[in-house]
Amino acid sequence: MAETTQTERDQVELSRREREARREIRVIGDPVLREHALTVTAFDRGLRKLAKRMIRIMHDAPGVGLAAPQVGVLQRVLVYDVDDDPRALVNPELDELSDEIEETDEGCLSVPGVTMPVSRPVSLRVRAFDAAGEPLEFHAEGLEARVIQHEFDHLEGVLIVDRTSRSARAAALRELREREDAGLRGAVGGGL
């Protein structure tokens, strides 16, 4: 009996944290999501706090990636966690994108409750800084490469609806309207 009560309390707490995180995430239609994020010039305590806050929101939402514009901050900062080791990338640059492309369904915390097919290179090179201002350079592939590209798009003002086919975009937008009309906007579904 005591275990059940603790499990129920844990579930209630997780649900509360998810609702709070989702309230902090900007959703499609918010103009900040279409803005080009600004280069970070100060690697200070505020930047480190922003990265920690974004990681908390990403985990609580739950998602595997989050970009600063999604929380209303127009700075070139993204966080992601594909292997239980959350990372922050500041002022990321992507190059050496592979010729090999893979199409996979993607979701997005800013386009809640829908997924759509998105084609992306399967590997790339990342150059960035961590939240303390230390330079990073590495190659990413598979899910890590996909998540980084998805979050990088947010820094450029690009959403997954811009990266899919016209018919998939129309279906996703129709589903979002129907969910909003039913009062369910943001109530279900995770994302990158």
Protein backbone atom coordinates (compact mmCIF):
# COMPACT_ATOMS: atom_id res chain seq x y z
CA MET A 1 0.00 0.00 0.00
CA ALA A 2 2.77 2.45 0.92
CA GLU A 3 4.59 1.66 -2.34
CA THR A 4 1.46 2.40 -4.37
CA THR A 5 1.00 5.72 -2.61
CA GLN A 6 4.63 6.68 -3.31
CA THR A 7 4.28 5.63 -6.96
CA GLU A 8 1.11 7.70 -7.28
CA ARG A 9 2.86 10.70 -5.69
CA ASP A 10 5.78 10.26 -8.10
CA GLN A 11 3.39 10.18 -11.07
CA VAL A 12 1.58 13.29 -9.85
CA GLU A 13 4.93 15.08 -9.45
CA LEU A 14 6.09 14.04 -12.94
CA SER A 15 2.81 15.20 -14.42
CA ARG A 16 3.09 18.55 -12.62
CA ARG A 17 6.66 19.07 -13.83
CA GLU A 18 5.68 18.19 -17.41
CA ARG A 19 2.79 20.71 -17.35
CA GLU A 20 5.08 23.42 -15.97
CA ALA A 21 7.78 22.68 -18.57
CA ARG A 22 5.28 22.77 -21.42
CA ARG A 23 3.98 26.15 -20.24
CA GLU A 24 7.50 27.54 -20.69
CA ILE A 25 7.86 26.25 -24.27
CA ARG A 26 6.74 28.52 -27.11
CA VAL A 27 4.52 26.80 -29.68
CA ILE A 28 3.96 27.22 -33.38
CA GLY A 29 2.38 30.57 -34.09
CA ASP A 30 4.60 32.39 -31.58
CA PRO A 31 6.65 34.90 -33.62
CA VAL A 32 9.84 34.29 -31.61
CA LEU A 33 10.08 30.84 -33.23
CA ARG A 34 10.57 32.50 -36.62
CA GLU A 35 13.37 34.81 -35.47
CA HIS A 36 17.07 34.29 -36.17
CA ALA A 37 18.83 33.82 -32.79
CA LEU A 38 21.72 36.13 -31.91
CA THR A 39 25.33 35.10 -31.37
CA VAL A 40 26.25 34.68 -27.71
CA THR A 41 29.04 37.05 -26.70
CA ALA A 42 29.06 36.67 -22.90
CA PHE A 43 29.94 33.31 -21.42
CA ASP A 44 28.82 34.18 -17.93
CA ARG A 45 26.77 32.88 -15.03
CA GLY A 46 23.56 33.90 -16.82
CA LEU A 47 24.43 31.70 -19.81
CA ARG A 48 25.21 28.73 -17.57
CA LYS A 49 21.90 29.24 -15.73
CA LEU A 50 20.06 29.40 -19.06
CA ALA A 51 21.64 26.10 -20.19
CA LYS A 52 20.72 24.38 -16.90
CA ARG A 53 17.15 25.73 -17.10
CA MET A 54 16.82 24.52 -20.69
CA ILE A 55 18.07 21.04 -19.77
CA ARG A 56 15.53 20.87 -16.93
CA ILE A 57 12.69 21.98 -19.21
CA MET A 58 13.80 19.55 -21.94
CA HIS A 59 13.85 16.60 -19.52
CA ASP A 60 10.57 17.54 -17.85
CA ALA A 61 8.66 18.19 -21.12
CA PRO A 62 9.93 15.43 -22.02
CA GLY A 63 12.13 15.84 -25.07
CA VAL A 64 15.65 15.08 -26.29
CA GLY A 65 16.53 18.59 -27.44
CA LEU A 66 15.59 22.23 -26.93
CA ALA A 67 16.76 25.51 -28.42
CA ALA A 68 16.77 28.87 -26.63
CA PRO A 69 14.13 30.44 -28.91
CA GLN A 70 11.72 27.72 -27.77
CA VAL A 71 11.86 29.26 -24.29
CA GLY A 72 11.68 32.80 -25.64
CA VAL A 73 15.41 33.57 -25.58
CA LEU A 74 16.89 34.73 -28.88
CA GLN A 75 20.41 33.41 -28.29
CA ARG A 76 22.31 30.74 -30.22
CA VAL A 77 22.09 28.08 -27.51
CA LEU A 78 20.77 24.56 -27.81
CA VAL A 79 20.73 21.61 -25.45
CA TYR A 80 20.22 17.94 -26.14
CA ASP A 81 20.42 14.55 -24.44
CA VAL A 82 20.44 11.37 -26.50
CA ASP A 83 22.52 9.18 -24.17
CA ASP A 84 21.87 10.37 -20.58
CA ASP A 85 24.66 12.94 -20.90
CA PRO A 86 23.01 16.33 -21.52
CA ARG A 87 25.06 18.79 -23.54
CA ALA A 88 24.79 22.49 -24.29
CA LEU A 89 26.07 23.89 -27.58
CA VAL A 90 26.61 27.64 -27.83
CA ASN A 91 27.02 29.37 -31.20
CA PRO A 92 27.03 26.03 -33.03
CA GLU A 93 28.23 25.71 -36.62
CA LEU A 94 27.46 22.64 -38.69
CA ASP A 95 29.45 21.46 -41.68
CA GLU A 96 30.66 18.32 -43.42
CA LEU A 97 27.05 17.18 -43.72
CA SER A 98 26.96 13.71 -45.22
CA ASP A 99 25.60 13.02 -48.68
CA GLU A 100 23.64 10.15 -47.14
CA ILE A 101 20.15 11.34 -46.21
CA GLU A 102 17.60 9.61 -44.01
CA GLU A 103 13.90 10.39 -43.73
CA THR A 104 12.39 9.77 -40.29
CA ASP A 105 9.33 11.04 -38.45
CA GLU A 106 10.16 13.91 -36.11
CA GLY A 107 8.16 15.56 -33.40
CA CYS A 108 8.82 18.92 -31.81
CA LEU A 109 8.02 20.38 -28.42
CA SER A 110 6.98 23.58 -30.23
CA VAL A 111 4.67 21.67 -32.58
CA PRO A 112 3.03 19.51 -29.90
CA GLY A 113 1.26 16.25 -30.53
CA VAL A 114 2.18 15.70 -34.18
CA THR A 115 5.01 14.07 -36.08
CA MET A 116 6.01 14.42 -39.69
CA PRO A 117 8.63 12.94 -42.02
CA VAL A 118 11.81 15.01 -42.23
CA SER A 119 14.87 14.21 -44.36
CA ARG A 120 18.28 15.05 -42.88
CA PRO A 121 21.93 14.13 -43.43
CA VAL A 122 22.93 11.18 -41.22
CA SER A 123 26.22 12.71 -40.04
CA LEU A 124 27.94 16.05 -39.68
CA ARG A 125 30.70 17.96 -37.94
CA VAL A 126 29.84 20.32 -35.08
CA ARG A 127 31.92 23.27 -33.95
CA ALA A 128 30.60 25.17 -30.94
CA PHE A 129 31.35 26.24 -27.39
CA ASP A 130 30.07 24.78 -24.15
CA ALA A 131 28.27 27.01 -21.64
CA ALA A 132 31.60 27.86 -19.97
CA GLY A 133 33.07 29.09 -23.27
CA GLU A 134 35.28 26.06 -23.96
CA PRO A 135 35.52 25.21 -27.67
CA LEU A 136 34.02 21.92 -28.88
CA GLU A 137 34.50 20.09 -32.15
CA PHE A 138 33.11 16.64 -32.88
CA HIS A 139 31.38 14.48 -35.46
CA ALA A 140 27.81 13.41 -34.79
CA GLU A 141 25.79 10.74 -36.52
CA GLY A 142 22.45 9.02 -36.28
CA LEU A 143 20.03 10.34 -33.66
CA GLU A 144 22.58 12.79 -32.25
CA ALA A 145 23.11 14.37 -35.69
CA ARG A 146 19.36 14.55 -36.29
CA VAL A 147 18.64 16.20 -32.93
CA ILE A 148 21.43 18.74 -33.37
CA GLN A 149 20.15 19.65 -36.86
CA HIS A 150 16.58 19.94 -35.56
CA GLU A 151 17.61 22.27 -32.72
CA PHE A 152 19.97 24.22 -35.00
CA ASP A 153 16.96 24.87 -37.26
CA HIS A 154 15.25 26.59 -34.31
CA LEU A 155 18.22 28.96 -34.06
CA GLU A 156 17.58 29.88 -37.70
CA GLY A 157 13.82 30.35 -37.24
CA VAL A 158 12.99 27.09 -39.04
CA LEU A 159 10.38 24.56 -37.83
CA ILE A 160 9.79 20.96 -38.87
CA VAL A 161 6.73 22.08 -40.84
CA ASP A 162 9.23 23.87 -43.12
CA ARG A 163 11.24 20.66 -43.63
CA THR A 164 8.48 18.29 -44.65
CA SER A 165 6.30 17.77 -47.69
CA ARG A 166 3.40 20.08 -48.47
CA SER A 167 0.88 17.29 -47.74
CA ALA A 168 2.51 16.33 -44.41
CA ARG A 169 2.60 20.00 -43.38
CA ALA A 170 -1.10 20.44 -44.24
CA ALA A 171 -2.03 17.28 -42.29
CA ALA A 172 0.01 18.38 -39.25
CA LEU A 173 -1.47 21.90 -39.26
CA ARG A 174 -4.98 20.47 -39.63
CA GLU A 175 -4.36 18.14 -36.66
CA LEU A 176 -3.01 21.04 -34.59
CA ARG A 177 -6.13 23.13 -35.38
CA GLU A 178 -8.41 20.24 -34.46
CA ARG A 179 -6.55 19.68 -31.18
CA GLU A 180 -6.70 23.40 -30.41
CA ASP A 181 -10.43 23.49 -31.17
CA ALA A 182 -10.86 20.57 -28.77
CA GLY A 183 -8.83 22.41 -26.10
CA LEU A 184 -5.91 19.96 -26.25
CA ARG A 185 -3.09 22.17 -27.55
CA GLY A 186 0.18 21.02 -26.02
CA ALA A 187 -1.53 18.40 -23.87
CA VAL A 188 0.09 15.38 -25.47
CA GLY A 189 3.17 14.34 -27.34
CA GLY A 190 6.86 14.84 -26.95
CA GLY A 191 9.39 15.96 -29.41
CA LEU A 192 12.99 16.61 -30.08
